[in-house]
Amino acid sequence: MTQDNNSATGPLVFTVLLHIVVLSAFIWFGRNLVPLPEPKHIKAVMVSAPATDSNVPVTPEQTSTPTPSNPTAKAAVKQEQLKAQREEAKAEAAETARAEKRAIEVAAAAVAAQKAEALAAEHRQKQIERTQAQEKVLQEKQAAAKAAAKQAEIEQAYALKQAEQKAEKLKAERLNALAQQEEAKKAQLKADEKARAHAEKLAQQKADAELAKKQAAKEAAENAKLLKENANKEAKAAQEKAAKLEKAKAAKEQALSDAKEAKEKAAKEAKDKANAAKASAEARRKLLTQSLGDDDAEVSNLKGQVAAQAKANSIGKYKSQIESRIKNAWKVPSASSGLKATARITLTPDGSIASIVITSSSGNDDFDTSIKALRSHGGLPVPDDSDTFRQVNPLVITFRAP
């Protein structure tokens, strides 16, 4: 737009400037021109002669400049006048030529100045256009970079969202797999229990038949007494072994795993022995009932002790498993070596943690908070039997930092 306006007004400005320069030149040089003097006209005056005495001689009156009356003199005067006029015209023409030359020079200088100004304006315009083009390119590059950064940000956010969704999906799949494993484990335990009960029943029936034929009342009484002593010894040994395993929980992960395996094996052996003892005691009880009615109370008492011991072993097993699972999930804070705290943990029937109450603080907020963070942990192996669950719940666990 600026370039178009300059192109439109340039000739007009130049024309006006040229006229001003020419007029100024004429005015300036016109002041120095000296006007030619007017030519003096020669007048001839005719005077009548006064009346005089004819005897007095007449003296002719003299004029200042006698005018020649002959044609030759007039022509000479005219030639002089023409020559003076030609000289004057020649001087005027020369002065006019000089004025025109100076005007032309001034106009040429003005044209040169205008041309130089036009070239400078064109240079400035080109410079402006180059600057604008550079700014446009820079703006386009900046816009492209900004768009690329925005696109990268969008892609990064999308990738992050996809990763989060994938992580959530994997987490849900892991939780689902763990839940399925727990369900399968519970189903397997129930199936094992059912098969064990059926096997015990068959063994009991077979034992009853054999014992009814082979053993006498005295042998039955001695065996019952011996069974009672053995059951007490085995129960005591199981309790001692469980206590040792309880102390070994503070060891490292491998030691804890070994202790857990040993404890589970011992608990299984104790339970198997208790079940076998229970079956044997039942068989003896029937024989003793048949042979010695007075020993029924003792056999019944023995059966109750064996059942109580089996239940105690089951409770200890569940407590050990739950405590081990909770401690494995516990994230020990850094720089907490040697600290310990005791917490009362209340469970729900579905294996979740209902509440965690610090009964004995470690004195370190981070350490206590790490224990309370276990509140979100679930999937604990709680017993299906409501009475056993009441015996297990709540748990009092001592947390020690290694």
Protein backbone atom coordinates (compact mmCIF):
# COMPACT_ATOMS: atom_id res chain seq x y z
CA MET A 1 0.00 0.00 0.00
CA THR A 2 2.83 2.44 0.86
CA GLN A 3 4.64 1.62 -2.36
CA ASP A 4 1.51 2.28 -4.46
CA ASN A 5 0.97 5.67 -2.79
CA ASN A 6 4.60 6.64 -3.45
CA SER A 7 4.26 5.61 -7.11
CA ALA A 8 1.08 7.66 -7.53
CA THR A 9 2.28 10.87 -5.86
CA GLY A 10 5.91 10.84 -7.19
CA PRO A 11 5.28 12.47 -10.63
CA LEU A 12 2.98 15.09 -9.15
CA VAL A 13 5.54 16.08 -6.53
CA PHE A 14 8.26 16.23 -9.16
CA THR A 15 6.16 18.50 -11.45
CA VAL A 16 5.27 20.88 -8.64
CA LEU A 17 8.88 20.98 -7.48
CA LEU A 18 10.12 21.71 -11.02
CA HIS A 19 7.69 24.63 -11.45
CA ILE A 20 8.68 26.07 -8.08
CA VAL A 21 12.38 25.87 -9.01
CA VAL A 22 11.83 27.55 -12.41
CA LEU A 23 9.70 30.34 -10.95
CA SER A 24 12.20 30.90 -8.16
CA ALA A 25 14.99 31.14 -10.71
CA PHE A 26 13.12 33.69 -12.80
CA ILE A 27 12.28 35.77 -9.74
CA TRP A 28 15.84 35.61 -8.41
CA PHE A 29 17.58 36.43 -11.64
CA GLY A 30 14.93 38.98 -12.65
CA ARG A 31 15.90 41.14 -9.71
CA ASN A 32 19.41 41.52 -11.08
CA LEU A 33 18.30 42.66 -14.54
CA VAL A 34 18.79 46.48 -15.09
CA PRO A 35 16.03 47.92 -17.27
CA LEU A 36 17.24 49.63 -20.43
CA PRO A 37 16.85 53.41 -20.47
CA GLU A 38 14.15 54.79 -22.64
CA PRO A 39 15.51 56.23 -25.88
CA LYS A 40 15.42 60.00 -26.02
CA HIS A 41 13.16 61.34 -28.71
CA ILE A 42 14.33 64.35 -30.70
CA LYS A 43 11.63 66.95 -31.12
CA ALA A 44 11.63 69.65 -33.73
CA VAL A 45 9.84 72.86 -32.70
CA MET A 46 8.67 75.29 -35.28
CA VAL A 47 8.73 78.91 -33.97
CA SER A 48 7.22 81.82 -35.84
CA ALA A 49 9.56 84.66 -36.41
CA PRO A 50 8.62 87.84 -34.53
CA ALA A 51 8.05 91.02 -36.30
CA THR A 52 11.18 93.00 -36.46
CA ASP A 53 12.56 95.93 -37.98
CA SER A 54 13.70 95.14 -41.39
CA ASN A 55 16.77 97.11 -40.70
CA VAL A 56 17.75 95.04 -37.65
CA PRO A 57 19.54 91.85 -38.49
CA VAL A 58 17.89 88.64 -37.31
CA THR A 59 19.92 86.38 -35.02
CA PRO A 60 18.82 82.71 -35.25
CA GLU A 61 17.79 81.02 -31.97
CA GLN A 62 20.07 78.18 -30.99
CA THR A 63 18.58 74.90 -29.67
CA SER A 64 20.37 72.52 -27.38
CA THR A 65 20.83 69.85 -30.01
CA PRO A 66 20.14 70.57 -33.52
CA THR A 67 18.24 67.80 -35.20
CA PRO A 68 19.44 66.92 -38.56
CA SER A 69 16.78 67.33 -40.99
CA ASN A 70 18.20 65.27 -43.73
CA PRO A 71 17.29 61.56 -44.21
CA THR A 72 20.83 60.33 -43.83
CA ALA A 73 21.09 61.68 -40.31
CA LYS A 74 17.77 60.11 -39.37
CA ALA A 75 18.84 56.75 -40.68
CA ALA A 76 22.03 56.90 -38.67
CA VAL A 77 20.14 57.65 -35.49
CA LYS A 78 17.76 54.83 -36.21
CA GLN A 79 20.63 52.45 -36.81
CA GLU A 80 22.12 53.41 -33.48
CA GLN A 81 18.81 52.80 -31.79
CA LEU A 82 18.39 49.41 -33.48
CA LYS A 83 21.93 48.47 -32.54
CA ALA A 84 21.28 49.41 -28.93
CA GLN A 85 18.06 47.43 -28.96
CA ARG A 86 19.83 44.41 -30.48
CA GLU A 87 22.56 44.60 -27.85
CA GLU A 88 19.91 44.85 -25.15
CA ALA A 89 17.97 41.94 -26.62
CA LYS A 90 21.17 39.93 -26.94
CA ALA A 91 22.03 40.65 -23.28
CA GLU A 92 18.52 39.71 -22.23
CA ALA A 93 18.71 36.52 -24.29
CA ALA A 94 22.06 35.65 -22.75
CA GLU A 95 20.76 36.32 -19.26
CA THR A 96 17.63 34.31 -20.03
CA ALA A 97 19.79 31.47 -21.33
CA ARG A 98 21.91 31.60 -18.21
CA ALA A 99 18.76 31.62 -16.04
CA GLU A 100 17.31 28.73 -18.01
CA LYS A 101 20.60 26.85 -17.69
CA ARG A 102 20.67 27.46 -13.95
CA ALA A 103 16.98 26.43 -13.74
CA ILE A 104 17.74 23.32 -15.75
CA GLU A 105 20.70 22.55 -13.50
CA VAL A 106 18.55 23.11 -10.42
CA ALA A 107 15.80 20.96 -11.95
CA ALA A 108 18.37 18.32 -12.89
CA ALA A 109 19.69 18.41 -9.34
CA ALA A 110 16.14 18.12 -8.08
CA VAL A 111 15.51 15.23 -10.47
CA ALA A 112 18.75 13.61 -9.35
CA ALA A 113 17.79 14.17 -5.72
CA GLN A 114 14.33 12.77 -6.37
CA LYS A 115 15.85 9.84 -8.22
CA ALA A 116 18.26 9.27 -5.36
CA GLU A 117 15.37 9.57 -2.92
CA ALA A 118 13.35 7.16 -5.06
CA LEU A 119 16.26 4.73 -5.13
CA ALA A 120 16.69 5.13 -1.38
CA ALA A 121 12.95 4.66 -0.90
CA GLU A 122 13.05 1.62 -3.15
CA HIS A 123 16.02 0.29 -1.19
CA ARG A 124 14.20 0.94 2.07
CA GLN A 125 11.08 -0.69 0.69
CA LYS A 126 13.08 -3.72 -0.43
CA GLN A 127 14.76 -3.81 2.96
CA ILE A 128 11.34 -3.62 4.62
CA GLU A 129 10.05 -6.36 2.33
CA ARG A 130 13.10 -8.51 3.09
CA THR A 131 12.62 -7.86 6.81
CA GLN A 132 8.93 -8.66 6.53
CA ALA A 133 9.73 -11.80 4.55
CA GLN A 134 12.30 -12.83 7.14
CA GLU A 135 9.83 -12.09 9.93
CA LYS A 136 7.18 -14.07 8.09
CA VAL A 137 9.56 -17.01 7.63
CA LEU A 138 10.54 -16.73 11.30
CA GLN A 139 6.89 -16.57 12.34
CA GLU A 140 6.12 -19.57 10.13
CA LYS A 141 9.05 -21.47 11.65
CA GLN A 142 7.94 -20.48 15.15
CA ALA A 143 4.36 -21.48 14.34
CA ALA A 144 5.58 -24.77 12.88
CA ALA A 145 7.79 -25.38 15.93
CA LYS A 146 4.91 -24.49 18.23
CA ALA A 147 2.57 -26.77 16.30
CA ALA A 148 5.17 -29.55 16.37
CA ALA A 149 5.66 -29.06 20.11
CA LYS A 150 1.90 -29.08 20.60
CA GLN A 151 1.58 -32.23 18.52
CA ALA A 152 4.44 -33.85 20.45
CA GLU A 153 2.76 -32.86 23.70
CA ILE A 154 -0.54 -34.36 22.50
CA GLU A 155 1.20 -37.54 21.37
CA GLN A 156 3.11 -37.76 24.64
CA ALA A 157 -0.11 -37.27 26.63
CA TYR A 158 -1.82 -39.91 24.50
CA ALA A 159 1.07 -42.33 24.95
CA LEU A 160 1.08 -41.65 28.69
CA LYS A 161 -2.66 -42.25 28.86
CA GLN A 162 -2.28 -45.47 26.87
CA ALA A 163 0.52 -46.59 29.20
CA GLU A 164 -1.60 -45.78 32.26
CA GLN A 165 -4.57 -47.65 30.81
CA LYS A 166 -2.32 -50.60 29.98
CA ALA A 167 -0.85 -50.52 33.48
CA GLU A 168 -4.35 -50.40 34.99
CA LYS A 169 -5.40 -53.27 32.76
CA LEU A 170 -2.35 -55.32 33.75
CA LYS A 171 -2.98 -54.50 37.40
CA ALA A 172 -6.61 -55.59 37.09
CA GLU A 173 -5.51 -58.76 35.31
CA ARG A 174 -2.96 -59.50 38.05
CA LEU A 175 -5.55 -58.90 40.75
CA ASN A 176 -8.02 -61.08 38.89
CA ALA A 177 -5.40 -63.79 38.48
CA LEU A 178 -4.56 -63.59 42.19
CA ALA A 179 -8.25 -63.79 43.05
CA GLN A 180 -8.64 -66.80 40.77
CA GLN A 181 -5.59 -68.40 42.35
CA GLU A 182 -7.03 -67.81 45.81
CA GLU A 183 -10.38 -69.23 44.73
CA ALA A 184 -8.67 -72.22 43.17
CA LYS A 185 -6.60 -72.66 46.32
CA LYS A 186 -9.70 -72.53 48.50
CA ALA A 187 -11.49 -74.97 46.21
CA GLN A 188 -8.46 -77.27 46.32
CA LEU A 189 -8.36 -77.05 50.12
CA LYS A 190 -12.04 -77.92 50.30
CA ALA A 191 -11.56 -80.82 47.89
CA ASP A 192 -8.55 -82.04 49.88
CA GLU A 193 -10.52 -81.76 53.10
CA LYS A 194 -13.41 -83.68 51.61
CA ALA A 195 -11.11 -86.39 50.24
CA ARG A 196 -9.30 -86.53 53.55
CA ALA A 197 -12.58 -86.91 55.42
CA HIS A 198 -13.66 -89.67 53.08
CA ALA A 199 -10.31 -91.42 53.46
CA GLU A 200 -10.52 -91.04 57.22
CA LYS A 201 -13.99 -92.49 57.17
CA LEU A 202 -12.85 -95.50 55.17
CA ALA A 203 -9.81 -95.91 57.38
CA GLN A 204 -12.00 -95.64 60.43
CA GLN A 205 -14.35 -98.29 59.16
CA LYS A 206 -11.45 -100.60 58.35
CA ALA A 207 -9.79 -99.91 61.70
CA ASP A 208 -13.02 -100.57 63.52
CA ALA A 209 -13.37 -103.93 61.84
CA GLU A 210 -9.79 -104.94 62.49
CA LEU A 211 -9.69 -103.68 66.06
CA ALA A 212 -12.97 -105.37 66.87
CA LYS A 213 -11.47 -108.67 65.93
CA LYS A 214 -7.91 -108.43 67.23
CA GLN A 215 -7.71 -106.28 70.33
CA ALA A 216 -8.94 -106.93 73.79
CA ALA A 217 -10.17 -104.47 76.35
CA LYS A 218 -6.83 -104.30 78.18
CA GLU A 219 -4.92 -103.61 75.00
CA ALA A 220 -7.46 -100.96 74.08
CA ALA A 221 -7.04 -99.21 77.44
CA GLU A 222 -3.25 -99.29 77.20
CA ASN A 223 -3.36 -98.02 73.66
CA ALA A 224 -5.74 -95.24 74.65
CA LYS A 225 -3.44 -94.15 77.46
CA LEU A 226 -0.42 -94.31 75.18
CA LEU A 227 -2.31 -92.37 72.51
CA LYS A 228 -3.13 -89.66 75.02
CA GLU A 229 0.51 -89.32 76.04
CA ASN A 230 1.68 -89.27 72.45
CA ALA A 231 -0.94 -86.68 71.50
CA ASN A 232 0.16 -84.44 74.37
CA LYS A 233 3.79 -84.83 73.37
CA GLU A 234 3.03 -84.10 69.73
CA ALA A 235 0.90 -81.09 70.65
CA LYS A 236 3.67 -79.74 72.87
CA ALA A 237 6.25 -80.35 70.15
CA ALA A 238 4.02 -78.60 67.62
CA GLN A 239 3.60 -75.63 69.95
CA GLU A 240 7.35 -75.41 70.53
CA LYS A 241 8.00 -75.62 66.83
CA ALA A 242 5.39 -72.93 66.16
CA ALA A 243 7.02 -70.70 68.79
CA LYS A 244 10.40 -71.17 67.15
CA LEU A 245 8.94 -70.35 63.78
CA GLU A 246 7.30 -67.24 65.27
CA LYS A 247 10.68 -65.98 66.46
CA ALA A 248 12.28 -66.73 63.07
CA LYS A 249 9.89 -64.32 61.30
CA ALA A 250 12.17 -61.35 61.95
CA ALA A 251 14.91 -62.90 59.79
CA LYS A 252 15.51 -62.11 56.14
CA GLU A 253 13.21 -63.12 53.31
CA GLN A 254 14.91 -66.42 52.57
CA ALA A 255 14.95 -67.39 56.23
CA LEU A 256 11.30 -66.37 56.50
CA SER A 257 10.43 -68.48 53.45
CA ASP A 258 12.29 -71.48 54.87
CA ALA A 259 10.67 -71.00 58.27
CA LYS A 260 7.26 -70.68 56.68
CA GLU A 261 7.80 -73.86 54.68
CA ALA A 262 9.02 -75.70 57.75
CA LYS A 263 6.11 -74.42 59.80
CA GLU A 264 3.56 -75.38 57.19
CA LYS A 265 5.16 -78.79 56.90
CA ALA A 266 5.16 -79.20 60.67
CA ALA A 267 1.57 -78.01 60.88
CA LYS A 268 0.58 -80.46 58.16
CA GLU A 269 2.38 -83.28 59.87
CA ALA A 270 0.84 -82.32 63.20
CA LYS A 271 -2.59 -82.13 61.61
CA ASP A 272 -2.12 -85.45 59.85
CA LYS A 273 -0.95 -87.01 63.08
CA ALA A 274 -3.82 -85.41 64.94
CA ASN A 275 -6.28 -86.70 62.37
CA ALA A 276 -4.73 -90.14 62.57
CA ALA A 277 -4.78 -89.93 66.33
CA LYS A 278 -8.38 -88.80 66.17
CA ALA A 279 -9.29 -91.75 63.97
CA SER A 280 -7.36 -94.13 66.17
CA ALA A 281 -8.89 -92.62 69.29
CA GLU A 282 -12.35 -92.98 67.83
CA ALA A 283 -11.65 -96.62 67.06
CA ARG A 284 -10.32 -97.21 70.53
CA ARG A 285 -13.27 -95.36 71.96
CA LYS A 286 -15.70 -97.67 70.24
CA LEU A 287 -13.76 -100.71 71.37
CA LEU A 288 -13.46 -99.34 74.85
CA THR A 289 -17.17 -98.52 74.83
CA GLN A 290 -17.90 -102.07 73.88
CA SER A 291 -15.49 -103.56 76.39
CA LEU A 292 -15.06 -101.01 79.13
CA GLY A 293 -17.95 -98.64 79.69
CA ASP A 294 -16.05 -96.89 82.45
CA ASP A 295 -13.42 -95.57 80.00
CA ASP A 296 -15.94 -93.61 77.84
CA ALA A 297 -15.36 -90.39 79.68
CA GLU A 298 -11.60 -90.63 79.28
CA VAL A 299 -11.87 -91.42 75.58
CA SER A 300 -14.31 -88.55 75.08
CA ASN A 301 -11.96 -86.23 76.92
CA LEU A 302 -9.09 -87.42 74.77
CA LYS A 303 -11.14 -86.81 71.64
CA GLY A 304 -11.93 -83.30 72.79
CA GLN A 305 -8.27 -82.61 73.51
CA VAL A 306 -7.24 -83.89 70.10
CA ALA A 307 -9.94 -81.80 68.40
CA ALA A 308 -8.96 -78.73 70.42
CA GLN A 309 -5.31 -79.27 69.54
CA ALA A 310 -6.21 -79.65 65.86
CA LYS A 311 -8.23 -76.44 66.02
CA ALA A 312 -5.39 -74.65 67.80
CA ASN A 313 -3.01 -75.86 65.11
CA SER A 314 -5.43 -74.58 62.45
CA ILE A 315 -5.70 -71.18 64.17
CA GLY A 316 -1.92 -70.96 64.47
CA LYS A 317 -1.55 -71.86 60.82
CA TYR A 318 -3.97 -69.14 59.68
CA LYS A 319 -2.38 -66.55 61.95
CA SER A 320 1.06 -67.46 60.63
CA GLN A 321 -0.06 -67.28 57.00
CA ILE A 322 -1.90 -63.97 57.43
CA GLU A 323 0.97 -62.39 59.36
CA SER A 324 3.47 -63.61 56.77
CA ARG A 325 1.36 -62.21 53.92
CA ILE A 326 1.00 -58.82 55.64
CA LYS A 327 4.72 -58.55 56.44
CA ASN A 328 5.64 -59.49 52.87
CA ALA A 329 3.41 -56.64 51.63
CA TRP A 330 4.91 -54.17 54.12
CA LYS A 331 7.33 -51.67 52.58
CA VAL A 332 9.97 -50.90 55.19
CA PRO A 333 10.93 -47.19 55.15
CA SER A 334 14.55 -46.28 54.57
CA ALA A 335 16.72 -45.22 57.52
CA SER A 336 14.49 -47.10 59.96
CA SER A 337 16.86 -49.85 61.06
CA GLY A 338 16.19 -51.08 64.59
CA LEU A 339 12.70 -49.53 64.87
CA LYS A 340 9.68 -51.58 65.85
CA ALA A 341 5.98 -51.00 66.41
CA THR A 342 2.99 -53.14 67.39
CA ALA A 343 -0.39 -52.89 65.63
CA ARG A 344 -3.82 -54.44 66.11
CA ILE A 345 -5.19 -55.44 62.70
CA THR A 346 -8.90 -56.16 62.25
CA LEU A 347 -9.87 -58.34 59.28
CA THR A 348 -13.05 -58.79 57.24
CA PRO A 349 -14.49 -62.20 56.23
CA ASP A 350 -13.46 -61.59 52.60
CA GLY A 351 -9.76 -61.27 53.50
CA SER A 352 -9.51 -57.45 53.52
CA ILE A 353 -8.16 -55.26 56.33
CA ALA A 354 -10.88 -53.30 58.12
CA SER A 355 -8.63 -51.22 60.38
CA ILE A 356 -5.07 -50.86 61.68
CA VAL A 357 -4.48 -49.39 65.14
CA ILE A 358 -0.93 -48.69 66.37
CA THR A 359 -0.91 -49.99 69.95
CA SER A 360 2.81 -49.42 70.48
CA SER A 361 4.37 -46.67 68.38
CA SER A 362 7.93 -46.73 67.08
CA GLY A 363 8.29 -43.00 67.72
CA ASN A 364 8.85 -42.43 63.99
CA ASP A 365 5.91 -41.09 61.96
CA ASP A 366 7.14 -42.53 58.65
CA PHE A 367 7.61 -45.95 60.20
CA ASP A 368 4.09 -45.94 61.73
CA THR A 369 2.57 -44.56 58.52
CA SER A 370 4.13 -47.38 56.48
CA ILE A 371 2.27 -49.85 58.71
CA LYS A 372 -1.03 -47.98 58.36
CA ALA A 373 -0.54 -48.01 54.58
CA LEU A 374 -1.24 -51.77 54.68
CA ARG A 375 -4.90 -50.81 55.16
CA SER A 376 -5.41 -51.12 51.38
CA HIS A 377 -3.98 -54.67 51.25
CA GLY A 378 -6.46 -57.49 50.61
CA GLY A 379 -6.71 -61.12 49.57
CA LEU A 380 -5.56 -62.49 52.94
CA PRO A 381 -6.04 -66.24 53.58
CA VAL A 382 -8.78 -66.04 56.24
CA PRO A 383 -10.54 -69.26 57.40
CA ASP A 384 -14.02 -70.08 56.12
CA ASP A 385 -15.14 -71.35 59.52
CA SER A 386 -16.71 -68.44 61.44
CA ASP A 387 -15.54 -69.75 64.84
CA THR A 388 -11.95 -70.11 63.62
CA PHE A 389 -12.20 -66.64 62.03
CA ARG A 390 -13.22 -65.16 65.38
CA GLN A 391 -10.21 -66.83 66.98
CA VAL A 392 -7.89 -65.37 64.32
CA ASN A 393 -9.40 -61.87 64.23
CA PRO A 394 -8.05 -59.38 65.27
CA LEU A 395 -4.32 -59.98 64.90
CA VAL A 396 -1.65 -58.29 66.99
CA ILE A 397 1.56 -58.06 64.96
CA THR A 398 4.92 -56.57 65.85
CA PHE A 399 6.76 -54.96 62.93
CA ARG A 400 10.56 -54.79 63.18
CA ALA A 401 12.87 -53.08 60.71
CA PRO A 402 15.93 -55.24 59.91
